Amino acid sequence: MPTPLSILVAPFCLLIAISDLYARRVPNAWLLIALLLATVLFGTLWALGRIAPPWPSFSGFLIGLLILLPVYAVGWMGAGDVKFFAVLGFLFGAKALLPIWIIGSVLAGFHAAAVLLYRFRMSHAVQGGHVTHQEDGASESKTRHGTPYAACLAVGALIVLFDPALAHW
């Protein structure tokens, strides 16, 4: 039976992953909606006495924000990725951030390796027995490039959602 948290988190993570893969964007409106819905959910469950006070959610948000903010500051990550990680901290609590980050980073590493291999193969394409070197700048479009890190984090969050034992260390 799905829990209220899984009903909120699963579609949210899927939407973020699709948006990041397709447009390399993490919409602020979706992050805000998830925060508001989670606040109402946690507040209601706390008022009914079904959960303890939701303080881990607030600390998870702050920890998620503070951990990735320096990475954004040096330009290695987008602001949407940082905000999404903070929202995941709010939804799951701080304990889940490490496994989500590890899974997301491993997936991002696989993605980066695949992109590098693809670019290498395309830049050294064999045509008629001759190796041709294509200019990278000539074939680049004006779309965003880079690793869709929020999508990788979303997969990590879904794995932790369906295997909560990963967040208990």
Protein backbone atom coordinates (compact mmCIF):
# COMPACT_ATOMS: atom_id res chain seq x y z
CA MET A 1 0.00 0.00 0.00
CA PRO A 2 1.48 3.35 -0.98
CA THR A 3 2.24 5.83 1.77
CA PRO A 4 1.30 9.51 1.54
CA LEU A 5 4.99 10.37 1.13
CA SER A 6 5.44 7.94 -1.77
CA ILE A 7 2.32 9.34 -3.47
CA LEU A 8 3.95 12.78 -3.32
CA VAL A 9 7.59 11.85 -3.99
CA ALA A 10 7.30 9.37 -6.86
CA PRO A 11 5.48 11.63 -9.36
CA PHE A 12 7.56 14.62 -8.24
CA CYS A 13 10.83 12.78 -8.91
CA LEU A 14 9.58 11.50 -12.26
CA LEU A 15 8.57 15.01 -13.35
CA ILE A 16 11.93 16.45 -12.31
CA ALA A 17 13.84 13.67 -14.06
CA ILE A 18 11.89 14.11 -17.30
CA SER A 19 12.29 17.88 -17.23
CA ASP A 20 16.03 17.65 -16.52
CA LEU A 21 16.60 15.04 -19.22
CA TYR A 22 14.52 16.85 -21.82
CA ALA A 23 15.18 20.54 -21.14
CA ARG A 24 18.00 20.53 -18.55
CA ARG A 25 15.73 22.56 -16.28
CA VAL A 26 14.37 22.05 -12.78
CA PRO A 27 11.28 24.27 -12.54
CA ASN A 28 11.15 26.35 -9.37
CA ALA A 29 7.37 26.12 -9.35
CA TRP A 30 7.53 22.33 -9.03
CA LEU A 31 10.02 22.58 -6.17
CA LEU A 32 7.80 25.08 -4.37
CA ILE A 33 4.67 22.96 -4.89
CA ALA A 34 6.47 19.89 -3.51
CA LEU A 35 7.62 21.88 -0.46
CA LEU A 36 4.13 23.22 0.19
CA LEU A 37 2.43 19.84 -0.24
CA ALA A 38 5.01 18.15 2.00
CA THR A 39 4.60 20.86 4.64
CA VAL A 40 0.83 20.33 4.66
CA LEU A 41 1.27 16.54 4.71
CA PHE A 42 3.81 16.53 7.53
CA GLY A 43 1.88 19.15 9.51
CA THR A 44 -1.36 17.20 9.20
CA LEU A 45 0.24 13.88 10.17
CA TRP A 46 1.96 15.56 13.13
CA ALA A 47 -1.30 17.19 14.25
CA LEU A 48 -3.03 13.80 14.09
CA GLY A 49 -0.25 12.27 16.17
CA ARG A 50 0.85 9.86 13.46
CA ILE A 51 4.41 11.14 13.19
CA ALA A 52 6.89 12.88 15.45
CA PRO A 53 7.52 16.59 14.89
CA PRO A 54 8.91 17.09 11.38
CA TRP A 55 12.17 18.74 12.51
CA PRO A 56 14.30 16.32 10.45
CA SER A 57 12.64 17.76 7.35
CA PHE A 58 13.86 21.26 8.12
CA SER A 59 17.36 20.09 8.98
CA GLY A 60 17.40 17.92 5.83
CA PHE A 61 16.49 20.95 3.74
CA LEU A 62 19.27 23.07 5.23
CA ILE A 63 21.86 20.31 5.03
CA GLY A 64 20.95 19.54 1.41
CA LEU A 65 21.21 23.20 0.52
CA LEU A 66 24.47 23.81 2.35
CA ILE A 67 26.22 20.68 1.04
CA LEU A 68 25.77 21.43 -2.65
CA LEU A 69 25.82 25.23 -2.52
CA PRO A 70 29.65 25.41 -2.72
CA VAL A 71 29.58 23.12 -5.76
CA TYR A 72 27.19 25.56 -7.43
CA ALA A 73 29.34 28.52 -6.36
CA VAL A 74 32.35 27.19 -8.28
CA GLY A 75 30.19 26.51 -11.34
CA TRP A 76 30.19 22.72 -11.34
CA MET A 77 26.44 22.36 -10.84
CA GLY A 78 23.27 24.22 -11.67
CA ALA A 79 21.15 26.02 -9.10
CA GLY A 80 18.18 23.76 -9.88
CA ASP A 81 20.20 20.70 -8.86
CA VAL A 82 21.06 22.32 -5.52
CA LYS A 83 17.47 23.36 -4.83
CA PHE A 84 16.18 19.92 -5.79
CA PHE A 85 18.65 18.26 -3.40
CA ALA A 86 17.47 20.58 -0.63
CA VAL A 87 13.83 19.66 -1.35
CA LEU A 88 14.79 15.97 -1.25
CA GLY A 89 16.34 16.65 2.15
CA PHE A 90 13.02 18.14 3.26
CA LEU A 91 11.02 15.19 1.94
CA PHE A 92 13.28 12.41 3.23
CA GLY A 93 15.20 13.99 6.10
CA ALA A 94 18.97 14.36 6.35
CA LYS A 95 19.63 10.63 6.81
CA ALA A 96 18.57 9.88 3.25
CA LEU A 97 20.76 12.51 1.61
CA LEU A 98 23.96 10.47 1.64
CA PRO A 99 22.53 7.41 -0.16
CA ILE A 100 20.64 9.64 -2.60
CA TRP A 101 23.83 11.59 -3.31
CA ILE A 102 25.93 8.43 -3.75
CA ILE A 103 23.45 6.79 -6.13
CA GLY A 104 22.95 10.03 -8.06
CA SER A 105 26.69 10.64 -8.35
CA VAL A 106 27.37 7.10 -9.59
CA LEU A 107 24.65 7.50 -12.22
CA ALA A 108 26.03 10.93 -13.18
CA GLY A 109 29.49 9.38 -13.54
CA PHE A 110 28.13 6.69 -15.87
CA HIS A 111 26.37 9.40 -17.88
CA ALA A 112 29.52 11.51 -18.16
CA ALA A 113 31.59 8.48 -19.24
CA ALA A 114 29.00 7.57 -21.87
CA VAL A 115 28.95 11.12 -23.23
CA LEU A 116 32.75 11.26 -23.39
CA LEU A 117 32.90 7.90 -25.17
CA TYR A 118 30.24 9.02 -27.64
CA ARG A 119 32.03 12.31 -28.35
CA PHE A 120 35.34 10.51 -28.80
CA ARG A 121 33.81 8.02 -31.21
CA MET A 122 32.06 10.78 -33.16
CA SER A 123 35.17 12.95 -33.37
CA HIS A 124 37.21 10.01 -34.66
CA ALA A 125 34.64 8.54 -37.01
CA VAL A 126 36.00 6.14 -39.59
CA GLN A 127 34.70 6.87 -43.07
CA GLY A 128 35.93 4.81 -45.99
CA GLY A 129 39.02 3.65 -44.16
CA HIS A 130 40.08 7.20 -43.27
CA VAL A 131 39.83 8.71 -39.84
CA THR A 132 38.19 12.10 -39.91
CA HIS A 133 38.34 14.56 -37.08
CA GLN A 134 35.21 16.64 -36.76
CA GLU A 135 35.22 20.03 -35.10
CA ASP A 136 33.24 19.95 -31.87
CA GLY A 137 32.16 23.59 -32.18
CA ALA A 138 30.67 23.10 -35.63
CA SER A 139 28.20 20.46 -34.50
CA GLU A 140 27.28 22.05 -31.16
CA SER A 141 23.78 23.40 -30.86
CA LYS A 142 22.59 26.10 -28.50
CA THR A 143 20.96 23.60 -26.15
CA ARG A 144 22.23 23.05 -22.64
CA HIS A 145 24.93 20.47 -22.17
CA GLY A 146 26.25 18.67 -19.16
CA THR A 147 25.10 15.95 -16.88
CA PRO A 148 21.43 15.97 -15.91
CA TYR A 149 22.34 15.70 -12.23
CA ALA A 150 18.81 16.35 -10.94
CA ALA A 151 17.58 13.37 -12.97
CA CYS A 152 20.30 11.22 -11.42
CA LEU A 153 19.35 12.45 -7.94
CA ALA A 154 15.69 11.72 -8.73
CA VAL A 155 16.55 8.10 -9.54
CA GLY A 156 18.53 7.90 -6.30
CA ALA A 157 15.54 9.31 -4.40
CA LEU A 158 13.20 6.76 -5.97
CA ILE A 159 15.54 3.93 -5.03
CA VAL A 160 15.71 5.19 -1.43
CA LEU A 161 11.93 5.66 -1.42
CA PHE A 162 11.32 2.03 -2.35
CA ASP A 163 14.18 0.68 -0.21
CA PRO A 164 14.06 2.81 2.95
CA ALA A 165 16.69 0.62 4.62
CA LEU A 166 19.27 2.51 2.56
CA ALA A 167 18.58 5.63 4.62
CA HIS A 168 19.13 3.94 8.00
CA TRP A 169 22.80 4.04 8.84
